[in-house]
């Protein structure tokens, strides 16, 4: 029996960061697509959003896997100024799968997606819900 089976507690990490200005839209989209595939394949749930030069991510999964992933994220040269919002145990998953989206001022932005993110955030533990909601609103300010 694995330690994950013995311990049903999940772990969550959230952060914001600044994208490397040398990244093209194509490179950003490739990073979003890769993250979505990798995280879904490793039983990691959450969201990754990119907007106006910044990334916002919430990750949920097995603690050691997330800590190792976050170390790689912090070392990734595609972004800098990584600011941790929280790292903590959670009683169960809050997100349904893993989504990665490119939110921009053009026609790719969709209010329905934003409402979906807010609905998922409303499921979070109340102790972190307000912080994530505040950051998500700030993150998308001026886009809607």
N, C-alpha and C. Protein backbone atom coordinates (compact mmCIF):
# COMPACT_ATOMS: atom_id res chain seq x y z
N UNK A 1 0.84 -1.18 0.00
CA UNK A 1 0.00 0.00 0.00
C UNK A 1 0.89 1.24 0.00
N UNK A 2 0.58 2.20 -0.83
CA UNK A 2 1.43 3.40 -0.93
C UNK A 2 1.12 4.37 0.19
N UNK A 3 2.05 5.28 0.43
CA UNK A 3 1.82 6.29 1.47
C UNK A 3 0.66 7.19 1.11
N UNK A 4 0.41 7.39 -0.19
CA UNK A 4 -0.72 8.21 -0.62
C UNK A 4 -2.03 7.54 -0.21
N UNK A 5 -2.08 6.20 -0.31
CA UNK A 5 -3.29 5.48 0.07
C UNK A 5 -3.49 5.57 1.58
N UNK A 6 -2.40 5.46 2.34
CA UNK A 6 -2.50 5.52 3.79
C UNK A 6 -2.87 6.91 4.27
N UNK A 7 -2.41 7.91 3.58
CA UNK A 7 -2.65 9.29 3.99
C UNK A 7 -3.46 9.99 2.91
N UNK A 8 -4.74 10.20 3.18
CA UNK A 8 -5.60 10.82 2.18
C UNK A 8 -5.46 12.34 2.12
N UNK A 9 -4.66 12.90 3.02
CA UNK A 9 -4.46 14.34 2.97
C UNK A 9 -3.76 14.71 1.68
N UNK A 10 -4.21 15.77 1.10
CA UNK A 10 -3.58 16.29 -0.11
C UNK A 10 -2.84 17.56 0.29
N UNK A 11 -2.01 18.03 -0.61
CA UNK A 11 -1.21 19.22 -0.36
C UNK A 11 -1.55 20.24 -1.43
N UNK A 12 -1.47 21.50 -1.10
CA UNK A 12 -1.76 22.55 -2.07
C UNK A 12 -0.68 23.63 -2.02
N UNK A 13 -0.33 24.12 -3.19
CA UNK A 13 0.62 25.22 -3.33
C UNK A 13 0.01 26.22 -4.30
N UNK A 14 0.12 27.49 -3.98
CA UNK A 14 -0.32 28.54 -4.89
C UNK A 14 0.75 29.61 -4.95
N UNK A 15 0.93 30.18 -6.14
CA UNK A 15 1.93 31.23 -6.30
C UNK A 15 1.56 32.13 -7.47
N UNK A 16 2.19 33.28 -7.51
CA UNK A 16 2.16 34.17 -8.67
C UNK A 16 3.60 34.42 -9.07
N UNK A 17 3.81 34.72 -10.35
CA UNK A 17 5.17 35.02 -10.83
C UNK A 17 5.08 35.92 -12.05
N UNK A 18 6.22 36.45 -12.43
CA UNK A 18 6.34 37.34 -13.58
C UNK A 18 7.00 36.57 -14.72
N UNK A 19 6.36 36.59 -15.88
CA UNK A 19 6.90 35.88 -17.03
C UNK A 19 8.14 36.58 -17.56
N UNK A 20 9.07 35.80 -18.08
CA UNK A 20 10.25 36.34 -18.75
C UNK A 20 9.75 37.12 -19.97
N UNK A 21 10.09 38.40 -20.10
CA UNK A 21 9.58 39.20 -21.22
C UNK A 21 10.04 38.71 -22.59
N UNK A 22 11.07 37.87 -22.63
CA UNK A 22 11.55 37.34 -23.91
C UNK A 22 10.66 36.21 -24.45
N UNK A 23 9.73 35.71 -23.63
CA UNK A 23 8.87 34.62 -24.07
C UNK A 23 7.86 35.09 -25.12
N UNK A 24 7.71 34.29 -26.15
CA UNK A 24 6.69 34.59 -27.16
C UNK A 24 5.36 34.00 -26.71
N UNK A 25 4.27 34.44 -27.34
CA UNK A 25 2.96 33.87 -27.03
C UNK A 25 2.96 32.37 -27.29
N UNK A 26 3.63 31.94 -28.35
CA UNK A 26 3.71 30.51 -28.67
C UNK A 26 4.39 29.74 -27.55
N UNK A 27 5.51 30.27 -27.04
CA UNK A 27 6.22 29.61 -25.95
C UNK A 27 5.37 29.54 -24.68
N UNK A 28 4.62 30.61 -24.43
CA UNK A 28 3.74 30.62 -23.25
C UNK A 28 2.65 29.57 -23.42
N UNK A 29 2.04 29.52 -24.60
CA UNK A 29 0.99 28.53 -24.84
C UNK A 29 1.54 27.11 -24.72
N UNK A 30 2.75 26.89 -25.23
CA UNK A 30 3.38 25.56 -25.11
C UNK A 30 3.60 25.20 -23.64
N UNK A 31 4.01 26.17 -22.82
CA UNK A 31 4.21 25.93 -21.39
C UNK A 31 2.89 25.59 -20.72
N UNK A 32 1.83 26.32 -21.07
CA UNK A 32 0.51 26.05 -20.50
C UNK A 32 0.03 24.65 -20.88
N UNK A 33 0.19 24.29 -22.16
CA UNK A 33 -0.23 22.98 -22.64
C UNK A 33 0.55 21.86 -21.96
N UNK A 34 1.88 22.04 -21.86
CA UNK A 34 2.72 21.04 -21.21
C UNK A 34 2.30 20.86 -19.75
N UNK A 35 2.10 21.98 -19.04
CA UNK A 35 1.71 21.91 -17.63
C UNK A 35 0.40 21.18 -17.46
N UNK A 36 -0.56 21.48 -18.30
CA UNK A 36 -1.87 20.82 -18.21
C UNK A 36 -1.73 19.31 -18.40
N UNK A 37 -1.01 18.90 -19.43
CA UNK A 37 -0.83 17.47 -19.70
C UNK A 37 -0.07 16.78 -18.56
N UNK A 38 1.07 17.37 -18.15
CA UNK A 38 1.90 16.76 -17.11
C UNK A 38 1.12 16.63 -15.81
N UNK A 39 0.45 17.70 -15.40
CA UNK A 39 -0.27 17.67 -14.14
C UNK A 39 -1.44 16.69 -14.17
N UNK A 40 -2.18 16.67 -15.25
CA UNK A 40 -3.28 15.71 -15.36
C UNK A 40 -2.76 14.27 -15.32
N UNK A 41 -1.60 14.03 -15.93
CA UNK A 41 -1.01 12.69 -15.93
C UNK A 41 -0.43 12.28 -14.58
N UNK A 42 -0.23 13.24 -13.68
CA UNK A 42 0.35 12.96 -12.36
C UNK A 42 -0.64 13.20 -11.23
N UNK A 43 -1.93 13.19 -11.55
CA UNK A 43 -2.98 13.33 -10.55
C UNK A 43 -2.87 14.64 -9.76
N UNK A 44 -2.47 15.69 -10.45
CA UNK A 44 -2.39 17.02 -9.86
C UNK A 44 -3.57 17.82 -10.38
N UNK A 45 -4.30 18.44 -9.46
CA UNK A 45 -5.44 19.26 -9.85
C UNK A 45 -5.11 20.72 -9.58
N UNK A 46 -5.90 21.63 -10.14
CA UNK A 46 -5.70 23.05 -9.92
C UNK A 46 -5.87 23.85 -11.18
N UNK A 47 -5.30 25.04 -11.20
CA UNK A 47 -5.38 25.92 -12.36
C UNK A 47 -4.05 26.64 -12.55
N UNK A 48 -3.77 26.98 -13.80
CA UNK A 48 -2.64 27.83 -14.16
C UNK A 48 -3.18 28.86 -15.13
N UNK A 49 -3.01 30.13 -14.78
CA UNK A 49 -3.48 31.20 -15.64
C UNK A 49 -2.31 32.09 -16.00
N UNK A 50 -2.32 32.60 -17.23
CA UNK A 50 -1.33 33.58 -17.66
C UNK A 50 -2.09 34.81 -18.14
N UNK A 51 -1.68 35.97 -17.69
CA UNK A 51 -2.30 37.21 -18.12
C UNK A 51 -1.33 38.35 -17.95
N UNK A 52 -1.23 39.18 -18.98
CA UNK A 52 -0.48 40.43 -18.91
C UNK A 52 0.88 40.27 -18.25
N UNK A 53 1.61 39.22 -18.65
CA UNK A 53 2.97 39.05 -18.18
C UNK A 53 3.12 38.35 -16.84
N UNK A 54 2.03 37.79 -16.31
CA UNK A 54 2.09 37.12 -15.02
C UNK A 54 1.44 35.75 -15.07
N UNK A 55 1.95 34.86 -14.21
CA UNK A 55 1.36 33.54 -14.03
C UNK A 55 0.72 33.49 -12.64
N UNK A 56 -0.40 32.79 -12.55
CA UNK A 56 -1.06 32.51 -11.28
C UNK A 56 -1.38 31.03 -11.30
N UNK A 57 -0.96 30.29 -10.26
CA UNK A 57 -1.19 28.86 -10.26
C UNK A 57 -1.60 28.37 -8.88
N UNK A 58 -2.54 27.41 -8.88
CA UNK A 58 -2.89 26.64 -7.70
C UNK A 58 -2.68 25.18 -8.08
N UNK A 59 -1.90 24.47 -7.28
CA UNK A 59 -1.61 23.05 -7.49
C UNK A 59 -2.09 22.27 -6.29
N UNK A 60 -2.71 21.10 -6.53
CA UNK A 60 -3.12 20.21 -5.46
C UNK A 60 -2.64 18.81 -5.82
N UNK A 61 -2.11 18.11 -4.85
CA UNK A 61 -1.65 16.75 -5.12
C UNK A 61 -0.92 16.16 -3.94
N UNK A 62 -0.15 15.10 -4.22
CA UNK A 62 0.65 14.45 -3.19
C UNK A 62 1.77 15.40 -2.78
N UNK A 63 1.99 15.53 -1.47
CA UNK A 63 2.88 16.56 -0.93
C UNK A 63 4.28 16.55 -1.53
N UNK A 64 4.97 15.41 -1.51
CA UNK A 64 6.37 15.39 -1.99
C UNK A 64 6.44 15.67 -3.49
N UNK A 65 5.49 15.13 -4.24
CA UNK A 65 5.45 15.39 -5.68
C UNK A 65 5.30 16.89 -5.95
N UNK A 66 4.41 17.56 -5.19
CA UNK A 66 4.20 19.00 -5.38
C UNK A 66 5.42 19.80 -4.96
N UNK A 67 6.05 19.42 -3.87
CA UNK A 67 7.23 20.16 -3.41
C UNK A 67 8.37 20.04 -4.43
N UNK A 68 8.55 18.84 -4.99
CA UNK A 68 9.57 18.66 -6.03
C UNK A 68 9.23 19.48 -7.27
N UNK A 69 7.96 19.45 -7.66
CA UNK A 69 7.50 20.23 -8.82
C UNK A 69 7.71 21.72 -8.57
N UNK A 70 7.38 22.19 -7.38
CA UNK A 70 7.52 23.61 -7.08
C UNK A 70 8.98 24.04 -7.11
N UNK A 71 9.89 23.16 -6.67
CA UNK A 71 11.32 23.47 -6.77
C UNK A 71 11.71 23.67 -8.24
N UNK A 72 11.19 22.80 -9.13
CA UNK A 72 11.49 22.95 -10.56
C UNK A 72 10.86 24.23 -11.12
N UNK A 73 9.64 24.54 -10.67
CA UNK A 73 8.96 25.75 -11.12
C UNK A 73 9.78 26.98 -10.73
N UNK A 74 10.24 27.02 -9.48
CA UNK A 74 11.01 28.19 -9.00
C UNK A 74 12.33 28.35 -9.75
N UNK A 75 12.88 27.25 -10.26
CA UNK A 75 14.15 27.30 -10.99
C UNK A 75 13.95 27.56 -12.49
N UNK A 76 12.72 27.54 -12.96
CA UNK A 76 12.42 27.69 -14.39
C UNK A 76 12.69 29.13 -14.83
N UNK A 77 13.51 29.29 -15.86
CA UNK A 77 13.89 30.62 -16.33
C UNK A 77 12.81 31.32 -17.14
N UNK A 78 11.69 30.65 -17.37
CA UNK A 78 10.60 31.29 -18.11
C UNK A 78 9.85 32.31 -17.26
N UNK A 79 10.17 32.34 -15.96
CA UNK A 79 9.55 33.34 -15.10
C UNK A 79 10.45 33.62 -13.90
N UNK A 80 10.13 34.70 -13.18
CA UNK A 80 10.90 35.09 -12.00
C UNK A 80 9.94 35.77 -11.01
N UNK A 81 10.47 36.29 -9.91
CA UNK A 81 9.64 36.91 -8.87
C UNK A 81 8.53 35.97 -8.42
N UNK A 82 8.87 34.72 -8.15
CA UNK A 82 7.88 33.74 -7.70
C UNK A 82 7.50 34.09 -6.25
N UNK A 83 6.23 34.39 -6.06
CA UNK A 83 5.72 34.74 -4.73
C UNK A 83 4.75 33.65 -4.30
N UNK A 84 5.10 32.95 -3.23
CA UNK A 84 4.25 31.88 -2.71
C UNK A 84 3.07 32.50 -1.97
N UNK A 85 1.85 32.08 -2.34
CA UNK A 85 0.65 32.54 -1.66
C UNK A 85 0.37 31.62 -0.47
N UNK A 86 0.43 30.30 -0.70
CA UNK A 86 0.31 29.35 0.39
C UNK A 86 0.91 28.01 -0.01
N UNK A 87 1.31 27.26 1.01
CA UNK A 87 1.74 25.85 0.90
C UNK A 87 1.18 25.20 2.14
N UNK A 88 0.25 24.24 1.95
CA UNK A 88 -0.37 23.64 3.14
C UNK A 88 -1.08 22.35 2.81
N UNK A 89 -1.31 21.54 3.84
CA UNK A 89 -2.12 20.34 3.69
C UNK A 89 -3.57 20.76 3.54
N UNK A 90 -4.30 20.00 2.72
CA UNK A 90 -5.73 20.22 2.56
C UNK A 90 -6.44 18.88 2.77
N UNK A 91 -7.68 18.90 3.25
CA UNK A 91 -8.35 17.64 3.55
C UNK A 91 -8.72 16.83 2.31
N UNK A 92 -8.99 17.48 1.21
CA UNK A 92 -9.32 16.77 -0.04
C UNK A 92 -9.18 17.72 -1.21
N UNK A 93 -9.30 17.18 -2.42
CA UNK A 93 -9.12 18.02 -3.60
C UNK A 93 -10.25 19.03 -3.72
N UNK A 94 -9.93 20.19 -4.25
CA UNK A 94 -10.91 21.25 -4.42
C UNK A 94 -11.25 21.47 -5.89
N UNK A 95 -10.29 21.19 -6.77
CA UNK A 95 -10.49 21.43 -8.19
C UNK A 95 -10.84 20.13 -8.89
N UNK A 96 -11.62 20.25 -9.93
CA UNK A 96 -12.03 19.10 -10.73
C UNK A 96 -11.09 19.03 -11.93
N UNK A 97 -9.97 18.32 -11.79
CA UNK A 97 -8.99 18.24 -12.87
C UNK A 97 -8.02 19.40 -12.81
N UNK A 98 -7.30 19.60 -13.90
CA UNK A 98 -6.30 20.66 -13.97
C UNK A 98 -6.52 21.44 -15.25
N UNK A 99 -6.63 22.73 -15.14
CA UNK A 99 -6.84 23.60 -16.29
C UNK A 99 -5.67 24.57 -16.42
N UNK A 100 -5.34 24.90 -17.65
CA UNK A 100 -4.32 25.90 -17.91
C UNK A 100 -4.85 26.80 -19.02
N UNK A 101 -4.90 28.08 -18.76
CA UNK A 101 -5.48 29.01 -19.74
C UNK A 101 -4.62 30.25 -19.91
N UNK A 102 -4.73 30.80 -21.09
CA UNK A 102 -4.05 32.02 -21.49
C UNK A 102 -5.14 33.08 -21.51
N UNK A 103 -5.15 33.96 -20.53
CA UNK A 103 -6.16 35.02 -20.47
C UNK A 103 -5.51 36.27 -21.01
N UNK A 104 -6.14 36.87 -22.00
CA UNK A 104 -5.55 38.08 -22.56
C UNK A 104 -6.65 39.07 -22.91
N UNK A 105 -6.23 40.20 -23.39
CA UNK A 105 -7.19 41.25 -23.72
C UNK A 105 -7.94 40.98 -25.02
N UNK A 106 -7.49 39.98 -25.78
CA UNK A 106 -8.17 39.73 -27.05
C UNK A 106 -9.33 38.76 -26.87
N UNK A 107 -9.81 38.20 -27.96
CA UNK A 107 -11.02 37.40 -27.93
C UNK A 107 -10.87 36.05 -27.22
N UNK A 108 -9.67 35.70 -26.78
CA UNK A 108 -9.52 34.44 -26.08
C UNK A 108 -10.07 34.50 -24.66
N UNK A 109 -10.22 35.73 -24.12
CA UNK A 109 -10.75 35.83 -22.77
C UNK A 109 -12.24 35.53 -22.80
N UNK A 110 -12.69 34.74 -21.84
CA UNK A 110 -14.07 34.30 -21.81
C UNK A 110 -14.59 34.44 -20.38
N UNK A 111 -15.62 35.27 -20.20
CA UNK A 111 -16.20 35.47 -18.87
C UNK A 111 -16.66 34.17 -18.24
N UNK A 112 -17.12 33.23 -19.05
CA UNK A 112 -17.58 31.94 -18.52
C UNK A 112 -16.43 31.23 -17.81
N UNK A 113 -15.23 31.27 -18.39
CA UNK A 113 -14.07 30.65 -17.75
C UNK A 113 -13.80 31.30 -16.40
N UNK A 114 -13.86 32.63 -16.34
CA UNK A 114 -13.61 33.34 -15.10
C UNK A 114 -14.62 32.92 -14.04
N UNK A 115 -15.88 32.82 -14.42
CA UNK A 115 -16.92 32.39 -13.48
C UNK A 115 -16.66 30.97 -12.99
N UNK A 116 -16.15 30.10 -13.88
CA UNK A 116 -15.81 28.74 -13.49
C UNK A 116 -14.70 28.75 -12.45
N UNK A 117 -13.67 29.60 -12.66
CA UNK A 117 -12.57 29.69 -11.69
C UNK A 117 -13.11 30.16 -10.34
N UNK A 118 -13.98 31.17 -10.35
CA UNK A 118 -14.53 31.68 -9.10
C UNK A 118 -15.37 30.60 -8.40
N UNK A 119 -16.12 29.83 -9.18
CA UNK A 119 -16.93 28.76 -8.59
C UNK A 119 -16.03 27.71 -7.95
N UNK A 120 -14.92 27.36 -8.62
CA UNK A 120 -14.01 26.37 -8.04
C UNK A 120 -13.34 26.92 -6.80
N UNK A 121 -12.98 28.18 -6.82
CA UNK A 121 -12.34 28.80 -5.66
C UNK A 121 -13.30 28.80 -4.47
N UNK A 122 -14.60 28.93 -4.74
CA UNK A 122 -15.58 28.93 -3.65
C UNK A 122 -15.60 27.60 -2.90
N UNK A 123 -15.03 26.54 -3.49
CA UNK A 123 -14.95 25.24 -2.84
C UNK A 123 -13.73 25.11 -1.93
N UNK A 124 -12.80 26.04 -2.06
CA UNK A 124 -11.57 25.96 -1.26
C UNK A 124 -11.86 26.13 0.22
N UNK A 125 -10.94 25.68 1.04
CA UNK A 125 -11.00 25.90 2.46
C UNK A 125 -11.16 27.40 2.71
N UNK A 126 -12.11 27.81 3.57
CA UNK A 126 -12.33 29.24 3.81
C UNK A 126 -11.08 30.00 4.23
N UNK A 127 -10.12 29.31 4.87
CA UNK A 127 -8.92 30.01 5.33
C UNK A 127 -8.03 30.48 4.18
N UNK A 128 -8.18 29.88 2.99
CA UNK A 128 -7.37 30.34 1.85
C UNK A 128 -8.22 30.91 0.72
N UNK A 129 -9.54 30.67 0.79
CA UNK A 129 -10.45 31.08 -0.27
C UNK A 129 -10.38 32.58 -0.56
N UNK A 130 -10.42 33.41 0.47
CA UNK A 130 -10.46 34.86 0.24
C UNK A 130 -9.16 35.35 -0.39
N UNK A 131 -8.02 34.77 0.02
CA UNK A 131 -6.74 35.19 -0.57
C UNK A 131 -6.68 34.84 -2.05
N UNK A 132 -7.09 33.62 -2.39
CA UNK A 132 -7.05 33.19 -3.78
C UNK A 132 -8.02 34.01 -4.62
N UNK A 133 -9.21 34.26 -4.10
CA UNK A 133 -10.21 35.05 -4.82
C UNK A 133 -9.70 36.47 -5.07
N UNK A 134 -9.07 37.07 -4.04
CA UNK A 134 -8.52 38.42 -4.17
C UNK A 134 -7.44 38.46 -5.25
N UNK A 135 -6.54 37.49 -5.22
CA UNK A 135 -5.45 37.46 -6.20
C UNK A 135 -6.00 37.21 -7.60
N UNK A 136 -6.96 36.29 -7.74
CA UNK A 136 -7.55 36.03 -9.05
C UNK A 136 -8.21 37.29 -9.60
N UNK A 137 -8.94 38.01 -8.75
CA UNK A 137 -9.58 39.25 -9.20
C UNK A 137 -8.54 40.29 -9.60
N UNK A 138 -7.49 40.43 -8.81
CA UNK A 138 -6.40 41.37 -9.16
C UNK A 138 -5.70 40.94 -10.44
N UNK A 139 -5.52 39.64 -10.57
CA UNK A 139 -4.82 39.08 -11.71
C UNK A 139 -5.54 39.38 -13.01
N UNK A 140 -6.86 39.38 -12.98
CA UNK A 140 -7.65 39.59 -14.19
C UNK A 140 -8.23 41.00 -14.28
N UNK A 141 -7.86 41.87 -13.35
CA UNK A 141 -8.36 43.25 -13.35
C UNK A 141 -8.03 43.93 -14.69
N UNK A 142 -8.98 44.61 -15.24
CA UNK A 142 -8.75 45.31 -16.49
C UNK A 142 -8.96 44.44 -17.72
N UNK A 143 -9.16 43.13 -17.50
CA UNK A 143 -9.37 42.24 -18.64
C UNK A 143 -10.86 42.14 -18.93
N UNK A 144 -11.63 42.07 -17.85
CA UNK A 144 -13.07 41.83 -18.02
C UNK A 144 -13.76 43.05 -18.58
